[in-house]
Amino acid sequence: MKNFVLLLVAVICFSACKQDLTDIEKRIEEIEQQGKNLEKENEELQKESDRLKRQGEELDAEAKKRQEENEKIQQRLKDLEEYEEEIEPFLFSMEFVAADNPLQLIENTPCTIIGDSAVECRILNAGTTDKILIPRFTFQGSVVTINGEEAESGVTQFNFNRTVVLSVITATQIKNYTVHVNTYTGLPSVWLDTNSHVNIVYTNQYYGGYIKVVGSSTTRALGDITQGSVKIMGLGEIDWYRPKISDELQLAKNTYAIRFNSNFTILDDPRGTAWRLIPNNDDQTFLHNQTAFYMGRISNLEYTPRSHYVDMFMNGRFFGTYLLEEQIEATENKVNVGSDGFILSIGSEPSGNITFATDHLENEVSFIFPSSPTEEAFSYVGNFVGTAEEVLFSPDFTNASSGWQKYLDIDSFVDWYLINEIAKNEDGAFMANCMMNLKQNGKLKMGPLLDFEKAFGNVAKTDASGFVIKNVNWFARLFEDPAFVAKVKERFGFFYDHQQDIIAEINANAAYLKYAVQEDDNKWDTFEGYKNSRITDTWAVYQSLVVNMKNWLTYRMDWLKQEFDAMG
């Protein structure tokens, strides 16, 4: 029994000791884990310390670098101050900001500095055509003046209606820039407003209105601003056009006549009362009329209408590029037939004018001036033209004193013929608007020139070979007279020798229209039919059409030379 008790006591003691050892082991494990955690925290603190050290070193390096750069800047400024007198004056930029000019501009207008002597600016006016503007500019120098007056960028206002001189000035040098501020496309602007802004919907009916014509510093006719009351009439059929961007029905690009109540001067032309606005809808180059008119000006014709490319606005809307052309009038500065003379047209739409016909003319002859001739005047003209035609088709028509030359002026007939034949103007085949003039007791003369839109190959669509005007009854008969043929050959030689001058005129007009053709295309999709996947840029398309026209003209001249040289 005693032994059992001792065994029991020993078991109890062992169990108690075992429990104490387990607690100790757990505590040791906890202490070891805490040690590991502290070791890990210490490593992270060391890493953070190293990062902060590196960051400090980088900040020190950046500060040192900035200090070095600042020292360089300070030295550069010091050098500039020491050598200010050696700085070359220079204009870096120029512009007109709409916010600075709220009553004149509807968009910002950057300018182009050309070389170191010229500045070209092209502005779109809104509400006014007076170019009293505030410019902004950046420059190198001490001060800027415009026409001698000190200019502060974004503050000082100047008159840019004419070319101005902008000067950049330093202590020892001045650099001058000629500044051209072009209105819209660089062309003159015609602003037409009908009374109450009514649309022109009927032809051969005048609408009351107001006109303002404004040249710009680089247009070919500077002139003063012309403004006044006018009567406006649509010529030909009135067309309508629905723009892509709107469902609103708008007038298309139609032809208009404008008439003042008294004599006015427009764009430096001689005083007159009537002009036409020609849209050139059948001529995507816009060059046919002006090219023919140039040939007219260097020819023996007494008068060729003066004309100007313009941007036309009607009732506040932009209508595109037009040709503002003198209306044919019987005045000393235009068709000088005197107060009792006559201006006639073969093939014109009568429009109520008095007409008569002959046996050999392809179309009727109408009176342009006077539009309502007296019976006596009508009889005089009808008898004269009838007699001239009768003699022309008589057996003895080549007689220099009693034949056709007694009635028809050879110089005007030859030059008018050649200009129309060179251009291959199908309207010139006595089909439309073929003008003639006659003084009392004088000879019948051809001219002035008019309407060449459907000429010059219509952009390479018409073959450059073949006669057109020579096939007209009167001219076919004239070519049977050796005297007429000799004169044609002589005068063609003149035009052939001036071929490069004609090409130069085409080039100059095309360059002048660079911005205008873009704006016209924006408005009317003028060149849509000529664009494709290979060529989409408007200016590139336009240039290709101009090249086609010049190539056509060159081939035409060579073909005619060959044909005329072969004539006896």
Protein backbone atom coordinates (compact mmCIF):
# COMPACT_ATOMS: atom_id res chain seq x y z
CA MET A 1 0.00 0.00 0.00
CA LYS A 2 2.80 2.30 0.86
CA ASN A 3 4.48 1.67 -2.44
CA PHE A 4 1.28 2.47 -4.35
CA VAL A 5 0.95 5.78 -2.59
CA LEU A 6 4.54 6.69 -3.44
CA LEU A 7 3.95 5.80 -7.11
CA LEU A 8 0.85 7.91 -7.22
CA VAL A 9 2.69 10.90 -5.78
CA ALA A 10 5.49 10.48 -8.38
CA VAL A 11 3.00 10.45 -11.29
CA ILE A 12 1.35 13.62 -10.05
CA CYS A 13 4.71 15.39 -9.73
CA PHE A 14 5.77 14.36 -13.27
CA SER A 15 2.55 15.67 -14.75
CA ALA A 16 2.97 19.03 -13.10
CA CYS A 17 6.58 19.36 -14.31
CA LYS A 18 5.55 18.48 -17.88
CA GLN A 19 2.90 21.24 -17.91
CA ASP A 20 5.48 23.81 -16.76
CA LEU A 21 7.89 22.83 -19.52
CA THR A 22 5.20 23.27 -22.22
CA ASP A 23 4.46 26.82 -21.06
CA ILE A 24 8.13 27.66 -21.12
CA GLU A 25 8.51 26.35 -24.67
CA LYS A 26 5.58 28.47 -25.88
CA ARG A 27 7.06 31.54 -24.28
CA ILE A 28 10.43 30.88 -25.90
CA GLU A 29 8.71 30.54 -29.30
CA GLU A 30 6.90 33.87 -28.78
CA ILE A 31 10.15 35.60 -27.89
CA GLU A 32 11.86 34.16 -30.98
CA GLN A 33 9.00 35.41 -33.27
CA GLN A 34 9.19 38.88 -31.74
CA GLY A 35 12.91 38.87 -32.44
CA LYS A 36 12.31 37.99 -36.08
CA ASN A 37 9.70 40.75 -36.40
CA LEU A 38 12.06 43.29 -34.90
CA GLU A 39 14.79 42.14 -37.27
CA LYS A 40 12.43 42.58 -40.26
CA GLU A 41 11.36 46.06 -39.08
CA ASN A 42 14.98 46.98 -38.72
CA GLU A 43 15.71 45.90 -42.30
CA GLU A 44 12.79 48.00 -43.58
CA LEU A 45 13.97 50.99 -41.57
CA GLN A 46 17.42 50.55 -43.05
CA LYS A 47 15.98 50.46 -46.57
CA GLU A 48 13.95 53.60 -45.91
CA SER A 49 17.05 55.27 -44.52
CA ASP A 50 18.99 54.34 -47.64
CA ARG A 51 16.15 55.66 -49.90
CA LEU A 52 16.00 58.96 -48.06
CA LYS A 53 19.73 59.25 -48.33
CA ARG A 54 19.63 58.69 -52.09
CA GLN A 55 16.74 61.16 -52.44
CA GLY A 56 18.71 63.70 -50.51
CA GLU A 57 21.69 63.19 -52.77
CA GLU A 58 19.42 63.60 -55.87
CA LEU A 59 17.89 66.80 -54.47
CA ASP A 60 21.34 68.13 -53.78
CA ALA A 61 22.37 67.31 -57.38
CA GLU A 62 19.19 68.96 -58.80
CA ALA A 63 19.72 72.03 -56.66
CA LYS A 64 23.30 72.23 -57.82
CA LYS A 65 22.19 71.86 -61.47
CA ARG A 66 19.54 74.57 -61.08
CA GLN A 67 22.08 76.81 -59.48
CA GLU A 68 24.44 76.28 -62.39
CA GLU A 69 21.64 76.98 -64.92
CA ASN A 70 20.59 80.09 -63.03
CA GLU A 71 24.17 81.30 -63.06
CA LYS A 72 24.28 80.73 -66.83
CA ILE A 73 20.99 82.64 -67.33
CA GLN A 74 22.22 85.49 -65.20
CA GLN A 75 25.43 85.58 -67.20
CA ARG A 76 23.44 85.53 -70.49
CA LEU A 77 21.30 88.41 -69.28
CA LYS A 78 24.39 90.27 -68.28
CA ASP A 79 25.93 89.61 -71.71
CA LEU A 80 22.74 90.84 -73.43
CA GLU A 81 22.79 94.01 -71.37
CA GLU A 82 26.44 94.59 -72.23
CA TYR A 83 25.94 93.95 -75.96
CA GLU A 84 22.38 95.27 -76.49
CA GLU A 85 23.58 97.54 -79.25
CA GLU A 86 24.59 94.49 -81.31
CA ILE A 87 21.11 92.81 -81.29
CA GLU A 88 19.56 92.63 -84.77
CA PRO A 89 15.94 93.84 -84.97
CA PHE A 90 13.55 91.10 -85.99
CA LEU A 91 9.78 90.47 -86.17
CA PHE A 92 8.90 86.99 -84.93
CA SER A 93 5.11 86.96 -85.35
CA MET A 94 2.06 89.09 -86.05
CA GLU A 95 -1.67 88.43 -85.79
CA PHE A 96 -5.06 90.03 -85.32
CA VAL A 97 -7.09 88.59 -82.45
CA ALA A 98 -10.88 88.68 -82.63
CA ALA A 99 -11.15 89.50 -78.92
CA ASP A 100 -9.06 92.66 -79.50
CA ASN A 101 -11.21 93.66 -82.50
CA PRO A 102 -14.77 92.55 -81.66
CA LEU A 103 -16.51 94.85 -84.14
CA GLN A 104 -14.33 93.96 -87.11
CA LEU A 105 -13.27 90.30 -86.85
CA ILE A 106 -15.14 87.06 -86.32
CA GLU A 107 -12.04 84.87 -86.14
CA ASN A 108 -8.37 85.17 -85.23
CA THR A 109 -6.13 86.04 -88.14
CA PRO A 110 -2.50 84.88 -88.10
CA CYS A 111 -0.20 86.69 -90.50
CA THR A 112 2.59 85.28 -92.63
CA ILE A 113 6.03 86.88 -92.46
CA ILE A 114 7.63 86.61 -95.89
CA GLY A 115 11.42 86.75 -95.76
CA ASP A 116 12.52 89.72 -93.69
CA SER A 117 10.65 92.48 -95.48
CA ALA A 118 6.92 91.72 -95.88
CA VAL A 119 3.91 90.59 -93.87
CA GLU A 120 0.74 89.20 -95.49
CA CYS A 121 -2.53 89.04 -93.53
CA ARG A 122 -5.88 87.77 -94.78
CA ILE A 123 -8.90 88.70 -92.67
CA LEU A 124 -12.55 87.74 -92.81
CA ASN A 125 -14.56 90.84 -92.00
CA ALA A 126 -17.86 90.74 -90.19
CA GLY A 127 -20.14 93.74 -90.10
CA THR A 128 -17.63 96.26 -91.43
CA THR A 129 -15.18 96.63 -94.26
CA ASP A 130 -13.00 99.26 -92.54
CA LYS A 131 -9.68 97.79 -91.44
CA ILE A 132 -9.09 99.86 -88.29
CA LEU A 133 -7.47 97.10 -86.24
CA ILE A 134 -5.34 96.30 -83.19
CA PRO A 135 -2.41 93.99 -84.04
CA ARG A 136 -0.48 91.66 -81.77
CA PHE A 137 3.16 90.90 -82.44
CA THR A 138 6.37 89.53 -80.94
CA PHE A 139 9.77 90.91 -81.84
CA GLN A 140 13.44 91.27 -81.00
CA GLY A 141 14.41 94.86 -80.44
CA SER A 142 13.60 97.93 -78.37
CA VAL A 143 10.40 99.28 -79.93
CA VAL A 144 7.97 98.76 -82.83
CA THR A 145 6.40 101.55 -84.86
CA ILE A 146 3.73 101.46 -87.59
CA ASN A 147 3.93 104.30 -90.07
CA GLY A 148 6.14 106.12 -87.58
CA GLU A 149 3.80 105.78 -84.58
CA GLU A 150 4.84 103.67 -81.60
CA ALA A 151 2.84 100.41 -81.42
CA GLU A 152 2.02 98.42 -78.29
CA SER A 153 1.06 94.83 -79.00
CA GLY A 154 -2.61 94.13 -78.32
CA VAL A 155 -3.29 97.77 -77.43
CA THR A 156 -2.64 100.32 -80.20
CA GLN A 157 -5.09 100.64 -83.10
CA PHE A 158 -4.03 101.42 -86.68
CA ASN A 159 -5.59 101.94 -90.10
CA PHE A 160 -4.70 99.00 -92.38
CA ASN A 161 -6.88 100.06 -95.33
CA ARG A 162 -3.65 100.79 -97.17
CA THR A 163 -0.22 99.20 -97.01
CA VAL A 164 1.64 100.21 -93.85
CA VAL A 165 5.28 100.01 -92.79
CA LEU A 166 6.06 98.21 -89.53
CA SER A 167 9.51 99.06 -88.17
CA VAL A 168 11.43 97.09 -85.51
CA ILE A 169 13.99 99.40 -83.91
CA THR A 170 17.09 98.95 -81.73
CA ALA A 171 19.63 101.52 -80.57
CA THR A 172 21.56 101.29 -83.84
CA GLN A 173 19.35 99.51 -86.41
CA ILE A 174 15.88 99.62 -88.00
CA LYS A 175 14.24 96.80 -89.94
CA ASN A 176 11.15 97.68 -92.00
CA TYR A 177 8.35 95.28 -92.96
CA THR A 178 5.67 96.15 -95.53
CA VAL A 179 2.36 94.96 -94.11
CA HIS A 180 -0.52 94.03 -96.46
CA VAL A 181 -3.83 93.35 -94.74
CA ASN A 182 -6.00 91.66 -97.36
CA THR A 183 -9.74 91.54 -97.00
CA TYR A 184 -11.01 87.96 -97.02
CA THR A 185 -9.29 86.36 -100.03
CA GLY A 186 -7.17 89.32 -101.05
CA LEU A 187 -9.72 90.34 -103.70
CA PRO A 188 -11.89 93.46 -103.57
CA SER A 189 -15.27 92.92 -101.91
CA VAL A 190 -18.68 93.78 -103.34
CA TRP A 191 -21.44 94.04 -100.73
CA LEU A 192 -24.93 94.07 -102.27
CA ASP A 193 -28.07 94.52 -100.22
CA THR A 194 -31.55 94.56 -101.67
CA ASN A 195 -34.18 96.71 -99.96
CA SER A 196 -35.53 94.75 -96.98
CA HIS A 197 -33.12 91.94 -97.98
CA VAL A 198 -35.64 90.42 -100.39
CA ASN A 199 -34.42 87.64 -102.66
CA ILE A 200 -33.98 88.31 -106.37
CA VAL A 201 -36.36 85.78 -107.89
CA TYR A 202 -37.34 87.34 -111.23
CA THR A 203 -35.16 88.16 -114.23
CA ASN A 204 -35.44 91.31 -116.32
CA GLN A 205 -36.79 93.16 -113.30
CA TYR A 206 -34.82 95.65 -111.25
CA TYR A 207 -34.75 95.47 -107.45
CA GLY A 208 -33.81 98.49 -105.38
CA GLY A 209 -30.77 98.16 -103.18
CA TYR A 210 -27.44 99.41 -101.93
CA ILE A 211 -23.85 98.60 -102.91
CA LYS A 212 -20.48 98.98 -101.23
CA VAL A 213 -17.30 98.12 -103.16
CA VAL A 214 -14.04 97.95 -101.21
CA GLY A 215 -10.54 97.47 -102.58
CA SER A 216 -7.65 96.29 -100.42
CA SER A 217 -3.98 97.11 -100.24
CA THR A 218 -2.94 94.40 -102.70
CA THR A 219 -5.84 94.42 -105.14
CA ARG A 220 -5.06 95.59 -108.64
CA ALA A 221 -7.34 98.60 -108.36
CA LEU A 222 -6.97 100.30 -104.99
CA GLY A 223 -9.54 103.04 -105.37
CA ASP A 224 -11.66 104.53 -102.64
CA ILE A 225 -14.65 102.82 -101.11
CA THR A 226 -17.62 103.15 -103.49
CA GLN A 227 -21.09 103.06 -102.05
CA GLY A 228 -24.53 104.19 -103.06
CA SER A 229 -28.02 103.24 -104.11
CA VAL A 230 -28.32 100.89 -107.09
CA LYS A 231 -30.82 98.87 -109.04
CA ILE A 232 -30.06 95.13 -109.21
CA MET A 233 -31.36 92.73 -111.85
CA GLY A 234 -30.85 89.01 -112.37
CA LEU A 235 -29.64 88.08 -115.85
CA GLY A 236 -30.59 84.76 -117.41
CA GLU A 237 -32.38 82.06 -115.47
CA ILE A 238 -32.40 82.43 -111.68
CA ASP A 239 -31.10 79.21 -110.11
CA TRP A 240 -31.39 77.98 -106.51
CA TYR A 241 -29.02 75.88 -104.45
CA ARG A 242 -29.51 73.90 -101.25
CA PRO A 243 -26.24 73.76 -99.29
CA LYS A 244 -25.19 70.50 -97.67
CA ILE A 245 -25.12 72.06 -94.22
CA SER A 246 -28.66 73.42 -94.23
CA ASP A 247 -32.17 72.62 -95.40
CA GLU A 248 -32.75 76.29 -96.15
CA LEU A 249 -33.24 77.08 -99.82
CA GLN A 250 -30.74 79.69 -101.04
CA LEU A 251 -30.04 81.57 -104.23
CA ALA A 252 -27.36 79.99 -106.36
CA LYS A 253 -24.41 81.76 -107.97
CA ASN A 254 -26.34 83.77 -110.57
CA THR A 255 -25.43 86.61 -112.93
CA TYR A 256 -26.48 90.13 -111.97
CA ALA A 257 -26.58 93.58 -113.52
CA ILE A 258 -26.19 96.64 -111.31
CA ARG A 259 -27.04 100.18 -112.34
CA PHE A 260 -26.43 103.49 -110.58
CA ASN A 261 -28.71 106.47 -111.04
CA SER A 262 -25.69 108.63 -111.91
CA ASN A 263 -22.06 108.14 -112.95
CA PHE A 264 -19.80 106.39 -110.44
CA THR A 265 -16.21 105.17 -110.40
CA ILE A 266 -15.63 101.61 -109.22
CA LEU A 267 -12.12 100.31 -108.48
CA ASP A 268 -10.46 103.15 -110.41
CA ASP A 269 -12.39 102.45 -113.64
CA PRO A 270 -13.69 105.39 -115.68
CA ARG A 271 -17.01 106.76 -114.52
CA GLY A 272 -20.08 104.85 -115.64
CA THR A 273 -23.52 103.75 -114.56
CA ALA A 274 -23.65 100.00 -115.20
CA TRP A 275 -21.66 96.85 -114.37
CA ARG A 276 -22.25 93.10 -114.49
CA LEU A 277 -21.38 90.47 -111.88
CA ILE A 278 -20.29 87.33 -113.75
CA PRO A 279 -20.17 84.04 -111.74
CA ASN A 280 -17.97 82.03 -114.17
CA ASN A 281 -20.11 78.96 -113.53
CA ASP A 282 -19.01 77.35 -116.81
CA ASP A 283 -15.33 78.05 -116.21
CA GLN A 284 -13.72 76.34 -113.22
CA THR A 285 -10.42 78.15 -113.90
CA PHE A 286 -12.09 81.59 -113.61
CA LEU A 287 -9.55 82.61 -116.27
CA HIS A 288 -11.29 82.44 -119.66
CA ASN A 289 -12.83 85.92 -119.76
CA GLN A 290 -9.80 87.65 -118.31
CA THR A 291 -7.45 85.88 -120.72
CA ALA A 292 -9.55 86.88 -123.73
CA PHE A 293 -9.83 90.43 -122.39
CA TYR A 294 -6.04 90.57 -122.04
CA MET A 295 -5.73 89.64 -125.71
CA GLY A 296 -8.29 92.34 -126.44
CA ARG A 297 -6.24 94.95 -124.60
CA ILE A 298 -3.11 94.17 -126.64
CA SER A 299 -5.08 93.96 -129.90
CA ASN A 300 -6.27 96.56 -132.41
CA LEU A 301 -9.78 96.55 -130.91
CA GLU A 302 -10.72 100.02 -129.73
CA TYR A 303 -12.28 98.95 -126.42
CA THR A 304 -12.36 95.88 -124.20
CA PRO A 305 -14.46 95.83 -120.99
CA ARG A 306 -12.51 96.43 -117.79
CA SER A 307 -13.07 93.74 -115.19
CA HIS A 308 -12.01 92.80 -111.68
CA TYR A 309 -12.10 89.61 -109.63
CA VAL A 310 -14.18 90.25 -106.50
CA ASP A 311 -15.67 88.46 -103.51
CA MET A 312 -19.42 89.01 -103.71
CA PHE A 313 -21.69 89.26 -100.68
CA MET A 314 -25.46 89.64 -101.03
CA ASN A 315 -27.68 90.48 -98.09
CA GLY A 316 -24.84 89.60 -95.75
CA ARG A 317 -24.07 86.19 -97.27
CA PHE A 318 -20.91 85.23 -99.12
CA PHE A 319 -21.68 84.25 -102.73
CA GLY A 320 -18.19 83.39 -103.96
CA THR A 321 -15.75 84.69 -106.55
CA TYR A 322 -17.23 86.86 -109.30
CA LEU A 323 -15.95 88.96 -112.16
CA LEU A 324 -17.12 92.56 -111.82
CA GLU A 325 -17.24 93.68 -115.43
CA GLU A 326 -18.17 96.93 -117.14
CA GLN A 327 -21.54 96.82 -118.82
CA ILE A 328 -21.34 97.69 -122.51
CA GLU A 329 -22.29 101.36 -122.80
CA ALA A 330 -22.06 103.99 -125.53
CA THR A 331 -19.71 106.49 -123.88
CA GLU A 332 -16.43 108.17 -124.77
CA ASN A 333 -14.54 105.87 -122.36
CA LYS A 334 -16.26 102.69 -123.53
CA VAL A 335 -17.86 102.08 -126.95
CA ASN A 336 -17.29 105.48 -128.51
CA VAL A 337 -19.98 105.62 -131.19
CA GLY A 338 -21.33 108.99 -130.22
CA SER A 339 -24.81 109.85 -129.05
CA ASP A 340 -26.31 108.86 -132.41
CA GLY A 341 -24.31 105.65 -132.96
CA PHE A 342 -25.26 102.03 -132.37
CA ILE A 343 -24.17 98.99 -130.37
CA LEU A 344 -25.51 95.72 -131.75
CA SER A 345 -25.38 92.07 -130.73
CA ILE A 346 -25.72 88.90 -132.76
CA GLY A 347 -27.36 86.02 -130.91
CA SER A 348 -28.19 87.82 -127.67
CA GLU A 349 -31.46 87.00 -125.99
CA PRO A 350 -33.71 89.83 -127.13
CA SER A 351 -35.02 90.68 -123.62
CA GLY A 352 -37.51 93.02 -125.24
CA ASN A 353 -34.91 94.70 -127.46
CA ILE A 354 -35.66 95.48 -131.09
CA THR A 355 -34.23 92.85 -133.48
CA PHE A 356 -33.85 92.18 -137.18
CA ALA A 357 -32.54 89.29 -139.30
CA THR A 358 -30.49 88.95 -142.49
CA ASP A 359 -30.13 86.17 -145.04
CA HIS A 360 -26.67 84.99 -143.97
CA LEU A 361 -26.25 85.80 -140.27
CA GLU A 362 -26.82 82.73 -138.09
CA ASN A 363 -28.91 84.65 -135.55
CA GLU A 364 -30.91 87.84 -135.25
CA VAL A 365 -29.30 91.19 -134.56
CA SER A 366 -30.55 93.10 -131.52
CA PHE A 367 -30.06 96.73 -130.48
CA ILE A 368 -28.05 97.19 -127.28
CA PHE A 369 -27.81 100.94 -127.77
CA PRO A 370 -30.21 102.49 -128.20
CA SER A 371 -32.38 99.72 -126.76
CA SER A 372 -35.48 101.29 -128.29
CA PRO A 373 -34.35 102.89 -131.55
CA THR A 374 -36.50 105.26 -133.54
CA GLU A 375 -37.94 104.10 -136.83
CA GLU A 376 -35.32 106.15 -138.63
CA ALA A 377 -32.47 104.60 -136.61
CA PHE A 378 -33.84 101.10 -137.06
CA SER A 379 -34.10 101.64 -140.79
CA TYR A 380 -30.57 103.07 -141.02
CA VAL A 381 -28.97 100.11 -139.24
CA GLY A 382 -31.05 97.46 -141.01
CA ASN A 383 -30.27 98.94 -144.42
CA PHE A 384 -26.57 99.33 -143.64
CA VAL A 385 -26.08 95.76 -142.38
CA GLY A 386 -28.22 94.38 -145.19
CA THR A 387 -26.24 96.27 -147.83
CA ALA A 388 -22.91 95.22 -146.29
CA GLU A 389 -24.00 91.58 -146.36
CA GLU A 390 -25.26 91.88 -149.93
CA VAL A 391 -21.91 93.30 -151.09
CA LEU A 392 -19.98 90.67 -149.09
CA PHE A 393 -21.72 87.88 -150.99
CA SER A 394 -21.56 89.63 -154.36
CA PRO A 395 -19.19 88.52 -157.18
CA ASP A 396 -17.05 91.67 -156.83
CA PHE A 397 -16.79 91.49 -153.02
CA THR A 398 -12.93 91.55 -153.04
CA ASN A 399 -12.74 95.01 -154.63
CA ALA A 400 -10.90 97.14 -152.07
CA SER A 401 -12.90 100.30 -152.78
CA SER A 402 -16.40 99.02 -153.64
CA GLY A 403 -16.40 95.57 -152.00
CA TRP A 404 -16.93 94.50 -148.39
CA GLN A 405 -14.14 96.78 -147.02
CA LYS A 406 -16.32 99.79 -147.90
CA TYR A 407 -18.72 98.64 -145.15
CA LEU A 408 -16.76 96.40 -142.74
CA ASP A 409 -13.70 97.53 -140.75
CA ILE A 410 -10.95 95.02 -141.56
CA ASP A 411 -8.82 95.68 -138.46
CA SER A 412 -11.62 94.99 -135.97
CA PHE A 413 -12.99 92.03 -137.95
CA VAL A 414 -9.54 90.37 -138.08
CA ASP A 415 -8.57 90.87 -134.43
CA TRP A 416 -12.03 89.99 -133.13
CA TYR A 417 -11.95 86.86 -135.27
CA LEU A 418 -8.49 85.79 -134.10
CA ILE A 419 -9.18 86.23 -130.38
CA ASN A 420 -12.38 84.19 -130.65
CA GLU A 421 -10.73 81.56 -132.88
CA ILE A 422 -7.66 81.21 -130.65
CA ALA A 423 -9.99 80.71 -127.69
CA LYS A 424 -12.22 78.43 -129.81
CA ASN A 425 -15.17 80.32 -128.40
CA GLU A 426 -18.27 78.52 -129.66
CA ASP A 427 -20.48 81.41 -128.56
CA GLY A 428 -18.32 83.55 -130.86
CA ALA A 429 -19.64 81.63 -133.88
CA PHE A 430 -22.38 84.26 -134.02
CA MET A 431 -24.33 82.21 -131.48
CA ALA A 432 -24.46 84.46 -128.40
CA ASN A 433 -23.42 87.98 -127.40
CA CYS A 434 -21.30 88.73 -130.47
CA MET A 435 -21.03 92.50 -130.28
CA MET A 436 -20.76 94.98 -133.18
CA ASN A 437 -20.78 98.76 -133.24
CA LEU A 438 -21.51 101.36 -135.87
CA LYS A 439 -21.05 105.11 -136.04
CA GLN A 440 -23.24 107.24 -138.28
CA ASN A 441 -21.54 107.36 -141.69
CA GLY A 442 -18.84 104.96 -140.45
CA LYS A 443 -17.96 101.31 -141.02
CA LEU A 444 -19.39 98.35 -139.11
CA LYS A 445 -16.88 97.14 -136.51
CA MET A 446 -16.69 93.95 -134.51
CA GLY A 447 -16.45 94.29 -130.74
CA PRO A 448 -16.22 94.70 -127.93
CA LEU A 449 -15.37 91.20 -126.66
CA LEU A 450 -17.85 89.53 -124.32
CA ASP A 451 -18.42 86.15 -122.63
CA PHE A 452 -15.64 83.57 -123.02
CA GLU A 453 -16.67 81.15 -120.28
CA LYS A 454 -17.30 78.37 -122.81
CA ALA A 455 -13.92 78.78 -124.49
CA PHE A 456 -10.29 77.69 -124.12
CA GLY A 457 -11.25 74.03 -124.31
CA ASN A 458 -13.49 74.24 -121.25
CA VAL A 459 -10.59 72.76 -119.27
CA ALA A 460 -9.26 70.35 -121.89
CA LYS A 461 -12.70 68.92 -122.74
CA THR A 462 -12.71 70.36 -126.26
CA ASP A 463 -10.22 69.34 -128.93
CA ALA A 464 -7.64 72.08 -129.51
CA SER A 465 -7.75 71.55 -133.28
CA GLY A 466 -10.44 72.58 -135.74
CA PHE A 467 -11.92 75.89 -136.84
CA VAL A 468 -15.07 77.32 -135.28
CA ILE A 469 -15.34 81.03 -136.11
CA LYS A 470 -13.98 80.51 -139.65
CA ASN A 471 -17.07 78.40 -140.38
CA VAL A 472 -19.46 81.30 -139.70
CA ASN A 473 -21.10 82.42 -142.96
CA TRP A 474 -19.63 85.93 -142.98
CA PHE A 475 -16.11 84.80 -141.98
CA ALA A 476 -16.14 81.84 -144.38
CA ARG A 477 -16.82 84.36 -147.14
CA LEU A 478 -14.13 86.75 -145.89
CA PHE A 479 -11.55 83.95 -146.02
CA GLU A 480 -12.19 83.80 -149.78
CA ASP A 481 -10.54 87.23 -150.07
CA PRO A 482 -6.70 87.05 -150.19
CA ALA A 483 -6.51 90.50 -148.55
CA PHE A 484 -8.40 89.25 -145.51
CA VAL A 485 -6.28 86.08 -145.31
CA ALA A 486 -3.06 88.12 -145.52
CA LYS A 487 -4.25 90.34 -142.69
CA VAL A 488 -5.22 87.32 -140.58
CA LYS A 489 -1.78 85.75 -141.07
CA GLU A 490 -0.04 89.03 -140.18
CA ARG A 491 -2.09 89.60 -137.02
CA PHE A 492 -1.92 85.96 -135.93
CA GLY A 493 1.86 86.31 -136.02
CA PHE A 494 1.48 89.12 -133.47
CA PHE A 495 -0.58 86.99 -131.08
CA TYR A 496 1.68 83.97 -131.60
CA ASP A 497 4.74 86.06 -130.74
CA HIS A 498 2.96 87.26 -127.56
CA GLN A 499 2.05 83.75 -126.51
CA GLN A 500 4.31 83.83 -123.46
CA ASP A 501 2.79 87.13 -122.38
CA ILE A 502 -0.64 85.48 -122.52
CA ILE A 503 0.65 82.54 -120.45
CA ALA A 504 2.18 84.97 -117.95
CA GLU A 505 -1.21 86.68 -117.62
CA ILE A 506 -2.82 83.29 -116.91
CA ASN A 507 -0.19 82.51 -114.27
CA ALA A 508 -0.58 85.90 -112.59
CA ASN A 509 -4.37 85.62 -112.41
CA ALA A 510 -4.21 82.05 -111.10
CA ALA A 511 -1.84 83.10 -108.31
CA TYR A 512 -4.07 86.07 -107.51
CA LEU A 513 -7.02 83.68 -107.07
CA LYS A 514 -5.25 81.24 -104.73
CA TYR A 515 -7.43 81.93 -101.69
CA ALA A 516 -10.52 82.89 -103.68
CA VAL A 517 -10.87 79.49 -105.38
CA GLN A 518 -10.67 77.79 -101.97
CA GLU A 519 -13.47 79.93 -100.55
CA ASP A 520 -15.59 79.47 -103.69
CA ASP A 521 -15.14 75.71 -103.42
CA ASN A 522 -16.06 75.82 -99.72
CA LYS A 523 -19.30 77.56 -100.67
CA TRP A 524 -20.31 75.82 -103.91
CA ASP A 525 -18.24 72.58 -104.18
CA THR A 526 -16.80 74.10 -107.35
CA PHE A 527 -14.18 71.39 -107.87
CA GLU A 528 -16.07 68.40 -106.51
CA GLY A 529 -16.17 66.75 -109.94
CA TYR A 530 -12.39 67.02 -110.30
CA LYS A 531 -11.36 65.56 -106.94
CA ASN A 532 -10.58 61.89 -106.46
CA SER A 533 -8.72 59.56 -104.10
CA ARG A 534 -5.40 60.71 -105.57
CA ILE A 535 -5.97 64.46 -105.54
CA THR A 536 -8.29 66.06 -102.96
CA ASP A 537 -6.65 69.39 -102.18
CA THR A 538 -8.55 72.29 -103.77
CA TRP A 539 -5.46 74.30 -104.70
CA ALA A 540 -3.81 71.24 -106.28
CA VAL A 541 -6.98 70.50 -108.28
CA TYR A 542 -7.18 74.11 -109.42
CA GLN A 543 -3.53 74.19 -110.48
CA SER A 544 -4.04 71.05 -112.55
CA LEU A 545 -6.95 72.72 -114.37
CA VAL A 546 -4.82 75.80 -115.06
CA VAL A 547 -2.03 73.60 -116.45
CA ASN A 548 -4.57 71.90 -118.72
CA MET A 549 -5.74 75.29 -120.00
CA LYS A 550 -2.18 76.43 -120.75
CA ASN A 551 -1.32 73.17 -122.48
CA TRP A 552 -4.51 73.42 -124.52
CA LEU A 553 -3.69 77.00 -125.53
CA THR A 554 -0.16 76.08 -126.58
CA TYR A 555 -1.42 73.23 -128.76
CA ARG A 556 -4.14 75.48 -130.18
CA MET A 557 -1.64 78.16 -131.16
CA ASP A 558 0.60 75.64 -132.91
CA TRP A 559 -2.32 74.07 -134.78
CA LEU A 560 -3.57 77.46 -135.98
CA LYS A 561 -0.06 78.49 -137.06
CA GLN A 562 0.24 75.37 -139.18
CA GLU A 563 -3.15 76.02 -140.77
CA PHE A 564 -2.58 79.72 -141.45
CA ASP A 565 0.92 79.10 -142.81
CA ALA A 566 -0.58 76.68 -145.33
CA MET A 567 -3.03 79.30 -146.67
CA GLY A 568 -2.07 81.08 -149.87
